[in-house]
Every structure is written in structure tokens, then in C-alpha cells.
């Protein structure tokens, strides 16, 4: 039995993109959390090395990287505040080449729930 040929990075990205796009075949948008946890306190990463910091941050934003890798249009929109006043958001993803409908949705959301003037406590 011959070994399967090794795929290039571009081929693997294409495979990932194909699998991810299946969820968008029957849906215009996919909504995910933007972050896995609230932001750490200011200074929590101070003095850490670059690799340690990158690994820590990757655990806080696990939903974003895959869309960056595949070039999917995605954006984050505000989704309220925690009990402590920290901002929350959701990420909305669309099909490749569908930036227009994605931006139109974000505009509709902002019109329905204006957020530009909202600030967490202490950031007025």
C-alpha cells in the first residue's frame, strides 16, 4: 500500500476551507463568540515573553484564527457588557466574497442597537 501524498499548506488550507464552508451552504452567516473569556486585568501579561503571550492570547480567541487562515469575511459586533462592565461581542462570519452582506448586517445591527456611545464604567 502506497503512502498518501503529502499535501502542501495551500492544499490543506483548501481542505479546511471546504469543510468550514459546508456550514455556510444553507446559512448566510455563522455567529460565534469573539473570545472564550473576558479580558485579563491590565498588566497580566506584562513581563512575559512573546511565545508565552501568544499562547495565552490564542486560548482567549480560539474562534478567530481559522477565519483569518482561510480568508473568510468576518467581523465582531458588540453584544453587551459583563456584570463588571467589560464589553462583550460576537463574531459573524460569511461566505468568501460576501463582505457586502456581512457589512450590511452589521449596519442593521448597529441601527437596531446603537453602541457607539456606550462605554464601560470608568471609560467615559
C-alpha atoms as a PDB file:
ATOM      1  CA  UNK A   1       0.000   0.000   0.000  1.00  0.00           C
ATOM      2  CA  UNK A   2       1.478   3.339  -1.069  1.00  0.00           C
ATOM      3  CA  UNK A   3       1.552   6.215   1.358  1.00  0.00           C
ATOM      4  CA  UNK A   4      -0.822   9.058   0.645  1.00  0.00           C
ATOM      5  CA  UNK A   5       0.927  12.028  -0.941  1.00  0.00           C
ATOM      6  CA  UNK A   6       1.831  14.796   1.458  1.00  0.00           C
ATOM      7  CA  UNK A   7      -0.367  17.830   0.978  1.00  0.00           C
ATOM      8  CA  UNK A   8       1.067  21.310   0.689  1.00  0.00           C
ATOM      9  CA  UNK A   9      -0.002  24.074   3.056  1.00  0.00           C
ATOM     10  CA  UNK A  10      -2.145  25.560   0.278  1.00  0.00           C
ATOM     11  CA  UNK A  11      -3.866  22.217  -0.315  1.00  0.00           C
ATOM     12  CA  UNK A  12      -4.526  21.769   3.406  1.00  0.00           C
ATOM     13  CA  UNK A  13      -5.949  25.287   3.621  1.00  0.00           C
ATOM     14  CA  UNK A  14      -8.277  24.414   0.726  1.00  0.00           C
ATOM     15  CA  UNK A  15      -9.456  21.286   2.556  1.00  0.00           C
ATOM     16  CA  UNK A  16     -10.110  23.281   5.727  1.00  0.00           C
ATOM     17  CA  UNK A  17     -11.925  25.988   3.760  1.00  0.00           C
ATOM     18  CA  UNK A  18     -14.140  23.409   2.036  1.00  0.00           C
ATOM     19  CA  UNK A  19     -15.114  21.845   5.367  1.00  0.00           C
ATOM     20  CA  UNK A  20     -15.783  25.203   7.008  1.00  0.00           C
ATOM     21  CA  UNK A  21     -17.909  26.411   4.122  1.00  0.00           C
ATOM     22  CA  UNK A  22     -20.268  23.457   4.478  1.00  0.00           C
ATOM     23  CA  UNK A  23     -21.933  25.186   7.421  1.00  0.00           C
ATOM     24  CA  UNK A  24     -22.487  28.224   5.185  1.00  0.00           C
ATOM     25  CA  UNK A  25     -24.098  26.262   2.344  1.00  0.00           C
ATOM     26  CA  UNK A  26     -27.521  26.541   3.981  1.00  0.00           C
ATOM     27  CA  UNK A  27     -26.868  29.639   6.098  1.00  0.00           C
ATOM     28  CA  UNK A  28     -25.846  33.158   5.160  1.00  0.00           C
ATOM     29  CA  UNK A  29     -23.942  33.772   8.375  1.00  0.00           C
ATOM     30  CA  UNK A  30     -22.299  31.930  11.231  1.00  0.00           C
ATOM     31  CA  UNK A  31     -22.239  33.532  14.677  1.00  0.00           C
ATOM     32  CA  UNK A  32     -19.538  32.537  17.161  1.00  0.00           C
ATOM     33  CA  UNK A  33     -18.210  34.022  20.369  1.00  0.00           C
ATOM     34  CA  UNK A  34     -15.432  36.515  19.725  1.00  0.00           C
ATOM     35  CA  UNK A  35     -13.491  35.497  22.805  1.00  0.00           C
ATOM     36  CA  UNK A  36     -13.522  32.465  25.076  1.00  0.00           C
ATOM     37  CA  UNK A  37     -13.216  34.506  28.270  1.00  0.00           C
ATOM     38  CA  UNK A  38     -13.272  38.111  29.407  1.00  0.00           C
ATOM     39  CA  UNK A  39     -10.135  40.174  29.061  1.00  0.00           C
ATOM     40  CA  UNK A  40      -7.435  39.692  31.694  1.00  0.00           C
ATOM     41  CA  UNK A  41      -6.636  42.512  34.096  1.00  0.00           C
ATOM     42  CA  UNK A  42      -4.384  45.247  32.731  1.00  0.00           C
ATOM     43  CA  UNK A  43      -0.769  44.175  33.170  1.00  0.00           C
ATOM     44  CA  UNK A  44      -1.499  40.433  33.406  1.00  0.00           C
ATOM     45  CA  UNK A  45       0.867  39.714  30.507  1.00  0.00           C
ATOM     46  CA  UNK A  46       3.489  42.297  31.396  1.00  0.00           C
ATOM     47  CA  UNK A  47       6.978  40.845  31.533  1.00  0.00           C
ATOM     48  CA  UNK A  48       6.003  37.627  29.773  1.00  0.00           C
ATOM     49  CA  UNK A  49       7.882  36.552  26.703  1.00  0.00           C
ATOM     50  CA  UNK A  50       6.412  36.716  23.215  1.00  0.00           C
ATOM     51  CA  UNK A  51       5.778  32.964  22.918  1.00  0.00           C
ATOM     52  CA  UNK A  52       4.097  32.742  26.330  1.00  0.00           C
ATOM     53  CA  UNK A  53       1.922  35.757  25.483  1.00  0.00           C
ATOM     54  CA  UNK A  54       0.984  34.376  22.059  1.00  0.00           C
ATOM     55  CA  UNK A  55      -0.060  31.057  23.594  1.00  0.00           C
ATOM     56  CA  UNK A  56      -2.112  32.804  26.274  1.00  0.00           C
ATOM     57  CA  UNK A  57      -3.866  35.062  23.770  1.00  0.00           C
ATOM     58  CA  UNK A  58      -4.586  32.155  21.402  1.00  0.00           C
ATOM     59  CA  UNK A  59      -6.535  30.497  24.193  1.00  0.00           C
ATOM     60  CA  UNK A  60      -8.662  33.617  24.638  1.00  0.00           C
ATOM     61  CA  UNK A  61      -9.542  33.974  20.934  1.00  0.00           C
ATOM     62  CA  UNK A  62      -9.815  30.411  19.604  1.00  0.00           C
ATOM     63  CA  UNK A  63     -12.703  31.219  17.264  1.00  0.00           C
ATOM     64  CA  UNK A  64     -10.962  33.871  15.166  1.00  0.00           C
ATOM     65  CA  UNK A  65      -7.803  32.353  13.720  1.00  0.00           C
ATOM     66  CA  UNK A  66      -9.426  29.815  11.440  1.00  0.00           C
ATOM     67  CA  UNK A  67     -11.282  32.551   9.574  1.00  0.00           C
ATOM     68  CA  UNK A  68      -8.074  34.541   9.200  1.00  0.00           C
ATOM     69  CA  UNK A  69      -6.344  31.432   7.852  1.00  0.00           C
ATOM     70  CA  UNK A  70      -8.988  30.800   5.206  1.00  0.00           C
ATOM     71  CA  UNK A  71      -9.688  34.431   4.341  1.00  0.00           C
ATOM     72  CA  UNK A  72     -13.366  34.266   5.255  1.00  0.00           C
ATOM     73  CA  UNK A  73     -15.022  37.641   5.778  1.00  0.00           C
ATOM     74  CA  UNK A  74     -15.698  38.034   9.494  1.00  0.00           C
ATOM     75  CA  UNK A  75     -16.327  40.867  11.902  1.00  0.00           C
ATOM     76  CA  UNK A  76     -17.054  41.362  15.571  1.00  0.00           C
ATOM     77  CA  UNK A  77     -20.009  43.356  16.834  1.00  0.00           C
ATOM     78  CA  UNK A  78     -20.753  44.481  20.388  1.00  0.00           C
ATOM     79  CA  UNK A  79     -23.091  42.241  22.357  1.00  0.00           C
ATOM     80  CA  UNK A  80     -23.450  43.949  25.715  1.00  0.00           C
ATOM     81  CA  UNK A  81     -21.380  44.113  28.871  1.00  0.00           C
ATOM     82  CA  UNK A  82     -20.453  41.745  31.686  1.00  0.00           C
ATOM     83  CA  UNK A  83     -21.731  42.443  35.200  1.00  0.00           C
ATOM     84  CA  UNK A  84     -18.370  44.163  35.799  1.00  0.00           C
ATOM     85  CA  UNK A  85     -18.898  46.450  32.801  1.00  0.00           C
ATOM     86  CA  UNK A  86     -16.430  44.774  30.418  1.00  0.00           C
ATOM     87  CA  UNK A  87     -17.570  44.771  26.778  1.00  0.00           C
ATOM     88  CA  UNK A  88     -18.722  41.541  25.114  1.00  0.00           C
ATOM     89  CA  UNK A  89     -19.008  40.789  21.405  1.00  0.00           C
ATOM     90  CA  UNK A  90     -19.890  38.108  18.902  1.00  0.00           C
ATOM     91  CA  UNK A  91     -18.145  37.282  15.650  1.00  0.00           C
ATOM     92  CA  UNK A  92     -20.185  36.973  12.468  1.00  0.00           C
ATOM     93  CA  UNK A  93     -18.695  35.030   9.551  1.00  0.00           C
ATOM     94  CA  UNK A  94     -19.900  34.851   5.950  1.00  0.00           C
ATOM     95  CA  UNK A  95     -19.020  33.052   2.734  1.00  0.00           C
ATOM     96  CA  UNK A  96     -15.948  34.079   0.744  1.00  0.00           C
ATOM     97  CA  UNK A  97     -16.680  37.169  -1.330  1.00  0.00           C
ATOM     98  CA  UNK A  98     -19.723  38.113   0.743  1.00  0.00           C
ATOM     99  CA  UNK A  99     -18.301  41.112   2.561  1.00  0.00           C
ATOM    100  CA  UNK A 100     -21.193  43.331   1.387  1.00  0.00           C
ATOM    101  CA  UNK A 101     -23.990  41.342   3.047  1.00  0.00           C
ATOM    102  CA  UNK A 102     -21.848  40.971   6.169  1.00  0.00           C
ATOM    103  CA  UNK A 103     -21.293  44.729   6.440  1.00  0.00           C
ATOM    104  CA  UNK A 104     -24.986  45.351   5.716  1.00  0.00           C
ATOM    105  CA  UNK A 105     -25.918  43.035   8.591  1.00  0.00           C
ATOM    106  CA  UNK A 106     -23.531  44.863  10.921  1.00  0.00           C
ATOM    107  CA  UNK A 107     -25.100  48.192   9.885  1.00  0.00           C
ATOM    108  CA  UNK A 108     -28.596  46.818  10.570  1.00  0.00           C
ATOM    109  CA  UNK A 109     -27.498  45.596  13.992  1.00  0.00           C
ATOM    110  CA  UNK A 110     -25.948  48.954  14.833  1.00  0.00           C
ATOM    111  CA  UNK A 111     -29.120  50.753  13.748  1.00  0.00           C
ATOM    112  CA  UNK A 112     -31.267  48.430  15.880  1.00  0.00           C
ATOM    113  CA  UNK A 113     -28.913  48.548  18.896  1.00  0.00           C
ATOM    114  CA  UNK A 114     -26.670  51.609  18.711  1.00  0.00           C
ATOM    115  CA  UNK A 115     -23.417  51.012  20.535  1.00  0.00           C
ATOM    116  CA  UNK A 116     -21.054  53.822  19.529  1.00  0.00           C
ATOM    117  CA  UNK A 117     -21.858  55.902  22.624  1.00  0.00           C
ATOM    118  CA  UNK A 118     -21.777  53.034  25.141  1.00  0.00           C
ATOM    119  CA  UNK A 119     -18.741  52.869  27.400  1.00  0.00           C
ATOM    120  CA  UNK A 120     -17.887  50.557  30.257  1.00  0.00           C
ATOM    121  CA  UNK A 121     -17.683  52.194  33.685  1.00  0.00           C
ATOM    122  CA  UNK A 122     -14.526  54.264  34.059  1.00  0.00           C
ATOM    123  CA  UNK A 123     -14.041  54.790  30.301  1.00  0.00           C
ATOM    124  CA  UNK A 124     -16.371  57.753  29.715  1.00  0.00           C
END
